[in-house]
Amino acid sequence: MPKKFRLACRDCDTDECDGVNKIPSTWIEVDEIQTLAESRKEVSVNDAAKSVFAWYTHLGICPDCQKN
């Protein structure tokens, strides 16, 4: 089974690459932030170490934001 990536953009937070099997070559500066299992864990609103908005496994810069 192919590995799934949940890729978000650092600038616009697009979710168009949520659940992709391969990181698109058009994205740059992509870093792994957490594992897929970690991205799916429920986060308490009282947890100052994690954000409830950190749904992604990887962060990078999408092609649209590279143009700007």
C-alpha atoms as a PDB file:
ATOM      1  CA  MET A   1       0.000   0.000   0.000  1.00  0.00           C
ATOM      2  CA  PRO A   2       1.433   3.428  -0.974  1.00  0.00           C
ATOM      3  CA  LYS A   3       2.275   5.878   1.777  1.00  0.00           C
ATOM      4  CA  LYS A   4      -0.203   8.739   2.123  1.00  0.00           C
ATOM      5  CA  PHE A   5       0.889  12.342   2.555  1.00  0.00           C
ATOM      6  CA  ARG A   6      -1.168  15.202   3.915  1.00  0.00           C
ATOM      7  CA  LEU A   7       0.581  18.162   2.309  1.00  0.00           C
ATOM      8  CA  ALA A   8      -0.263  21.759   3.201  1.00  0.00           C
ATOM      9  CA  CYS A   9       1.204  25.037   2.003  1.00  0.00           C
ATOM     10  CA  ARG A  10       3.049  27.223   4.523  1.00  0.00           C
ATOM     11  CA  ASP A  11       1.503  30.345   3.020  1.00  0.00           C
ATOM     12  CA  CYS A  12      -2.069  29.527   1.973  1.00  0.00           C
ATOM     13  CA  ASP A  13      -2.775  26.258   3.875  1.00  0.00           C
ATOM     14  CA  THR A  14      -4.401  24.641   0.813  1.00  0.00           C
ATOM     15  CA  ASP A  15      -5.674  21.127   1.356  1.00  0.00           C
ATOM     16  CA  GLU A  16      -5.687  20.122  -2.326  1.00  0.00           C
ATOM     17  CA  CYS A  17      -2.861  17.631  -1.621  1.00  0.00           C
ATOM     18  CA  ASP A  18      -4.456  16.046   1.426  1.00  0.00           C
ATOM     19  CA  GLY A  19      -4.182  12.283   0.960  1.00  0.00           C
ATOM     20  CA  VAL A  20      -1.785  12.152  -1.992  1.00  0.00           C
ATOM     21  CA  ASN A  21       0.495   9.147  -2.539  1.00  0.00           C
ATOM     22  CA  LYS A  22       3.414  11.222  -3.846  1.00  0.00           C
ATOM     23  CA  ILE A  23       4.602  14.732  -3.097  1.00  0.00           C
ATOM     24  CA  PRO A  24       4.190  16.739  -6.308  1.00  0.00           C
ATOM     25  CA  SER A  25       7.455  17.859  -7.909  1.00  0.00           C
ATOM     26  CA  THR A  26       5.975  21.353  -8.354  1.00  0.00           C
ATOM     27  CA  TRP A  27       6.050  21.952  -4.595  1.00  0.00           C
ATOM     28  CA  ILE A  28       9.256  23.296  -3.011  1.00  0.00           C
ATOM     29  CA  GLU A  29      10.834  23.373   0.449  1.00  0.00           C
ATOM     30  CA  VAL A  30       8.729  20.426   1.677  1.00  0.00           C
ATOM     31  CA  ASP A  31       9.461  19.235   5.218  1.00  0.00           C
ATOM     32  CA  GLU A  32       7.949  16.340   7.143  1.00  0.00           C
ATOM     33  CA  ILE A  33       6.258  17.691  10.260  1.00  0.00           C
ATOM     34  CA  GLN A  34       4.621  14.584  11.717  1.00  0.00           C
ATOM     35  CA  THR A  35       3.578  11.069  10.793  1.00  0.00           C
ATOM     36  CA  LEU A  36       0.221  10.212   9.294  1.00  0.00           C
ATOM     37  CA  ALA A  37      -0.854   8.607  12.583  1.00  0.00           C
ATOM     38  CA  GLU A  38       0.162  11.731  14.513  1.00  0.00           C
ATOM     39  CA  SER A  39      -1.787  13.965  12.103  1.00  0.00           C
ATOM     40  CA  ARG A  40      -4.948  11.989  12.819  1.00  0.00           C
ATOM     41  CA  LYS A  41      -4.726  12.106  16.621  1.00  0.00           C
ATOM     42  CA  GLU A  42      -7.230  14.253  18.427  1.00  0.00           C
ATOM     43  CA  VAL A  43      -5.638  17.333  19.976  1.00  0.00           C
ATOM     44  CA  SER A  44      -7.010  18.900  23.111  1.00  0.00           C
ATOM     45  CA  VAL A  45      -7.674  22.627  22.920  1.00  0.00           C
ATOM     46  CA  ASN A  46      -5.714  22.876  26.188  1.00  0.00           C
ATOM     47  CA  ASP A  47      -2.576  21.309  24.647  1.00  0.00           C
ATOM     48  CA  ALA A  48      -0.142  24.204  24.157  1.00  0.00           C
ATOM     49  CA  ALA A  49       2.411  21.950  22.426  1.00  0.00           C
ATOM     50  CA  LYS A  50       0.175  21.005  19.455  1.00  0.00           C
ATOM     51  CA  SER A  51      -2.247  22.897  17.285  1.00  0.00           C
ATOM     52  CA  VAL A  52      -5.739  21.680  16.477  1.00  0.00           C
ATOM     53  CA  PHE A  53      -5.104  23.088  12.982  1.00  0.00           C
ATOM     54  CA  ALA A  54      -2.024  20.909  12.288  1.00  0.00           C
ATOM     55  CA  TRP A  55      -3.862  18.342  10.131  1.00  0.00           C
ATOM     56  CA  TYR A  56      -0.933  17.891   7.698  1.00  0.00           C
ATOM     57  CA  THR A  57       2.050  15.546   7.661  1.00  0.00           C
ATOM     58  CA  HIS A  58       4.191  17.783   5.444  1.00  0.00           C
ATOM     59  CA  LEU A  59       4.506  21.537   4.876  1.00  0.00           C
ATOM     60  CA  GLY A  60       5.898  23.149   1.752  1.00  0.00           C
ATOM     61  CA  ILE A  61       5.244  25.933  -0.711  1.00  0.00           C
ATOM     62  CA  CYS A  62       2.603  25.273  -3.392  1.00  0.00           C
ATOM     63  CA  PRO A  63       3.034  26.368  -7.022  1.00  0.00           C
ATOM     64  CA  ASP A  64       0.520  29.246  -6.646  1.00  0.00           C
ATOM     65  CA  CYS A  65       2.353  30.754  -3.685  1.00  0.00           C
ATOM     66  CA  GLN A  66       5.696  30.401  -5.476  1.00  0.00           C
ATOM     67  CA  LYS A  67       4.358  32.759  -8.157  1.00  0.00           C
ATOM     68  CA  ASN A  68       3.464  35.461  -5.627  1.00  0.00           C
END
